[in-house]
Amino acid sequence: MFKKKQKLRKEYDQKLIELMDTTKNDWMIQSQLINLSFEKSDDLEAITQLAKAKYFFLFQEAKVRKIAIIK
């Protein structure tokens, strides 16, 4: 019974890590778009801030779960 719990925990921890990676890449792409754009758009800045907030939310969740990300 405990092995199943450990297996599920590892599986969802891995999914969280993958989601964090995807979210961070999205945030970085949005940041680069702001840096490269000539006209600053409020919508683009809002999307970038949302992507940043999502990443840090997931980062906090990983911290609570005590997940070590090793690459």
N, C-alpha and C. Protein backbone atom coordinates (compact mmCIF):
# COMPACT_ATOMS: atom_id res chain seq x y z
N MET A 1 0.82 -1.19 0.00
CA MET A 1 0.00 0.00 0.00
C MET A 1 0.87 1.26 0.00
N PHE A 2 1.94 1.26 0.76
CA PHE A 2 2.81 2.43 0.82
C PHE A 2 3.63 2.58 -0.46
N LYS A 3 3.91 1.46 -1.13
CA LYS A 3 4.67 1.55 -2.37
C LYS A 3 3.87 2.29 -3.44
N LYS A 4 2.56 2.06 -3.45
CA LYS A 4 1.71 2.74 -4.41
C LYS A 4 1.71 4.25 -4.14
N LYS A 5 1.67 4.61 -2.87
CA LYS A 5 1.68 6.02 -2.50
C LYS A 5 2.99 6.68 -2.93
N GLN A 6 4.11 6.00 -2.71
CA GLN A 6 5.40 6.53 -3.12
C GLN A 6 5.50 6.65 -4.64
N LYS A 7 4.94 5.66 -5.35
CA LYS A 7 4.97 5.69 -6.81
C LYS A 7 4.15 6.87 -7.33
N LEU A 8 2.98 7.09 -6.75
CA LEU A 8 2.15 8.22 -7.17
C LEU A 8 2.83 9.54 -6.86
N ARG A 9 3.46 9.62 -5.71
CA ARG A 9 4.16 10.86 -5.33
C ARG A 9 5.28 11.17 -6.32
N LYS A 10 6.07 10.15 -6.68
CA LYS A 10 7.15 10.37 -7.65
C LYS A 10 6.59 10.78 -9.01
N GLU A 11 5.48 10.16 -9.40
CA GLU A 11 4.87 10.46 -10.68
C GLU A 11 4.39 11.92 -10.73
N TYR A 12 3.70 12.35 -9.69
CA TYR A 12 3.19 13.73 -9.67
C TYR A 12 4.29 14.75 -9.42
N ASP A 13 5.33 14.37 -8.71
CA ASP A 13 6.48 15.26 -8.56
C ASP A 13 7.14 15.49 -9.92
N GLN A 14 7.24 14.43 -10.71
CA GLN A 14 7.83 14.54 -12.04
C GLN A 14 6.96 15.43 -12.94
N LYS A 15 5.65 15.27 -12.84
CA LYS A 15 4.75 16.12 -13.62
C LYS A 15 4.89 17.58 -13.22
N LEU A 16 5.06 17.83 -11.93
CA LEU A 16 5.25 19.20 -11.45
C LEU A 16 6.54 19.79 -12.00
N ILE A 17 7.59 19.01 -12.01
CA ILE A 17 8.87 19.47 -12.55
C ILE A 17 8.74 19.81 -14.04
N GLU A 18 8.05 18.96 -14.78
CA GLU A 18 7.86 19.22 -16.21
C GLU A 18 7.02 20.47 -16.43
N LEU A 19 5.99 20.65 -15.62
CA LEU A 19 5.15 21.83 -15.72
C LEU A 19 5.93 23.09 -15.37
N MET A 20 6.80 23.00 -14.38
CA MET A 20 7.64 24.14 -14.01
C MET A 20 8.56 24.51 -15.17
N ASP A 21 9.13 23.51 -15.83
CA ASP A 21 10.03 23.76 -16.95
C ASP A 21 9.28 24.44 -18.10
N THR A 22 8.10 23.96 -18.40
CA THR A 22 7.29 24.55 -19.47
C THR A 22 6.90 25.98 -19.13
N THR A 23 6.50 26.19 -17.88
CA THR A 23 6.07 27.51 -17.45
C THR A 23 7.25 28.50 -17.46
N LYS A 24 8.41 28.03 -17.05
CA LYS A 24 9.59 28.90 -17.06
C LYS A 24 9.96 29.29 -18.49
N ASN A 25 9.90 28.33 -19.40
CA ASN A 25 10.20 28.63 -20.80
C ASN A 25 9.21 29.66 -21.36
N ASP A 26 7.94 29.50 -21.01
CA ASP A 26 6.92 30.46 -21.45
C ASP A 26 7.22 31.85 -20.90
N TRP A 27 7.59 31.92 -19.64
CA TRP A 27 7.92 33.20 -19.01
C TRP A 27 9.13 33.84 -19.70
N MET A 28 10.15 33.05 -20.00
CA MET A 28 11.35 33.58 -20.64
C MET A 28 11.03 34.09 -22.05
N ILE A 29 10.20 33.36 -22.78
CA ILE A 29 9.81 33.80 -24.13
C ILE A 29 9.06 35.12 -24.06
N GLN A 30 8.13 35.23 -23.13
CA GLN A 30 7.38 36.48 -22.97
C GLN A 30 8.31 37.64 -22.59
N SER A 31 9.27 37.37 -21.74
CA SER A 31 10.23 38.41 -21.34
C SER A 31 11.06 38.88 -22.53
N GLN A 32 11.48 37.93 -23.35
CA GLN A 32 12.25 38.29 -24.54
C GLN A 32 11.42 39.11 -25.52
N LEU A 33 10.13 38.77 -25.63
CA LEU A 33 9.26 39.55 -26.51
C LEU A 33 9.16 41.00 -26.05
N ILE A 34 9.07 41.19 -24.75
CA ILE A 34 9.01 42.57 -24.23
C ILE A 34 10.31 43.30 -24.53
N ASN A 35 11.44 42.63 -24.34
CA ASN A 35 12.73 43.27 -24.59
C ASN A 35 12.95 43.60 -26.06
N LEU A 36 12.40 42.78 -26.95
CA LEU A 36 12.60 42.99 -28.38
C LEU A 36 11.57 43.93 -29.02
N SER A 37 10.48 44.17 -28.34
CA SER A 37 9.42 44.98 -28.94
C SER A 37 9.74 46.48 -28.83
N PHE A 38 9.36 47.21 -29.86
CA PHE A 38 9.58 48.65 -29.89
C PHE A 38 8.53 49.38 -29.08
N GLU A 39 7.30 48.92 -29.19
CA GLU A 39 6.20 49.54 -28.47
C GLU A 39 5.83 48.66 -27.28
N LYS A 40 5.84 49.23 -26.12
CA LYS A 40 5.48 48.48 -24.92
C LYS A 40 3.96 48.34 -24.85
N SER A 41 3.49 47.11 -24.79
CA SER A 41 2.06 46.84 -24.75
C SER A 41 1.68 46.42 -23.32
N ASP A 42 0.60 47.00 -22.83
CA ASP A 42 0.13 46.63 -21.49
C ASP A 42 -0.31 45.17 -21.46
N ASP A 43 -0.90 44.72 -22.56
CA ASP A 43 -1.35 43.32 -22.62
C ASP A 43 -0.16 42.36 -22.55
N LEU A 44 0.89 42.69 -23.28
CA LEU A 44 2.08 41.83 -23.28
C LEU A 44 2.73 41.81 -21.91
N GLU A 45 2.77 42.95 -21.25
CA GLU A 45 3.34 43.01 -19.91
C GLU A 45 2.49 42.22 -18.92
N ALA A 46 1.17 42.27 -19.08
CA ALA A 46 0.27 41.51 -18.19
C ALA A 46 0.45 40.01 -18.40
N ILE A 47 0.60 39.59 -19.65
CA ILE A 47 0.82 38.17 -19.94
C ILE A 47 2.15 37.71 -19.34
N THR A 48 3.15 38.56 -19.44
CA THR A 48 4.47 38.23 -18.87
C THR A 48 4.39 38.11 -17.35
N GLN A 49 3.71 39.03 -16.71
CA GLN A 49 3.57 38.98 -15.25
C GLN A 49 2.77 37.75 -14.82
N LEU A 50 1.77 37.37 -15.61
CA LEU A 50 0.99 36.17 -15.31
C LEU A 50 1.85 34.93 -15.43
N ALA A 51 2.67 34.86 -16.47
CA ALA A 51 3.58 33.71 -16.64
C ALA A 51 4.57 33.64 -15.48
N LYS A 52 5.07 34.78 -15.05
CA LYS A 52 6.00 34.83 -13.92
C LYS A 52 5.31 34.36 -12.63
N ALA A 53 4.09 34.82 -12.41
CA ALA A 53 3.35 34.42 -11.21
C ALA A 53 3.06 32.93 -11.20
N LYS A 54 2.73 32.37 -12.37
CA LYS A 54 2.49 30.93 -12.46
C LYS A 54 3.75 30.15 -12.10
N TYR A 55 4.89 30.60 -12.63
CA TYR A 55 6.15 29.89 -12.35
C TYR A 55 6.47 29.93 -10.86
N PHE A 56 6.35 31.10 -10.25
CA PHE A 56 6.69 31.20 -8.83
C PHE A 56 5.70 30.46 -7.94
N PHE A 57 4.44 30.36 -8.38
CA PHE A 57 3.47 29.55 -7.65
C PHE A 57 3.89 28.09 -7.66
N LEU A 58 4.27 27.60 -8.84
CA LEU A 58 4.72 26.21 -8.96
C LEU A 58 6.03 26.00 -8.19
N PHE A 59 6.89 27.01 -8.20
CA PHE A 59 8.14 26.93 -7.46
C PHE A 59 7.88 26.78 -5.96
N GLN A 60 6.92 27.54 -5.45
CA GLN A 60 6.56 27.43 -4.03
C GLN A 60 6.00 26.04 -3.72
N GLU A 61 5.19 25.49 -4.62
CA GLU A 61 4.64 24.15 -4.42
C GLU A 61 5.76 23.12 -4.38
N ALA A 62 6.74 23.26 -5.25
CA ALA A 62 7.88 22.34 -5.24
C ALA A 62 8.66 22.48 -3.94
N LYS A 63 8.77 23.68 -3.44
CA LYS A 63 9.47 23.91 -2.19
C LYS A 63 8.73 23.25 -1.02
N VAL A 64 7.40 23.35 -1.02
CA VAL A 64 6.59 22.73 0.03
C VAL A 64 6.73 21.21 -0.02
N ARG A 65 6.77 20.67 -1.23
CA ARG A 65 6.90 19.22 -1.40
C ARG A 65 8.34 18.72 -1.22
N LYS A 66 9.27 19.68 -1.09
CA LYS A 66 10.68 19.37 -0.91
C LYS A 66 11.23 18.58 -2.09
N ILE A 67 10.95 19.09 -3.28
CA ILE A 67 11.41 18.45 -4.50
C ILE A 67 12.74 19.08 -4.91
N ALA A 68 13.73 18.25 -5.15
CA ALA A 68 15.02 18.73 -5.62
C ALA A 68 15.08 18.54 -7.13
N ILE A 69 15.31 19.63 -7.84
CA ILE A 69 15.39 19.58 -9.29
C ILE A 69 16.85 19.50 -9.69
N ILE A 70 17.22 18.37 -10.23
CA ILE A 70 18.61 18.13 -10.62
C ILE A 70 18.65 17.92 -12.13
N LYS A 71 19.48 18.71 -12.79
CA LYS A 71 19.62 18.56 -14.25
C LYS A 71 21.02 18.26 -14.60
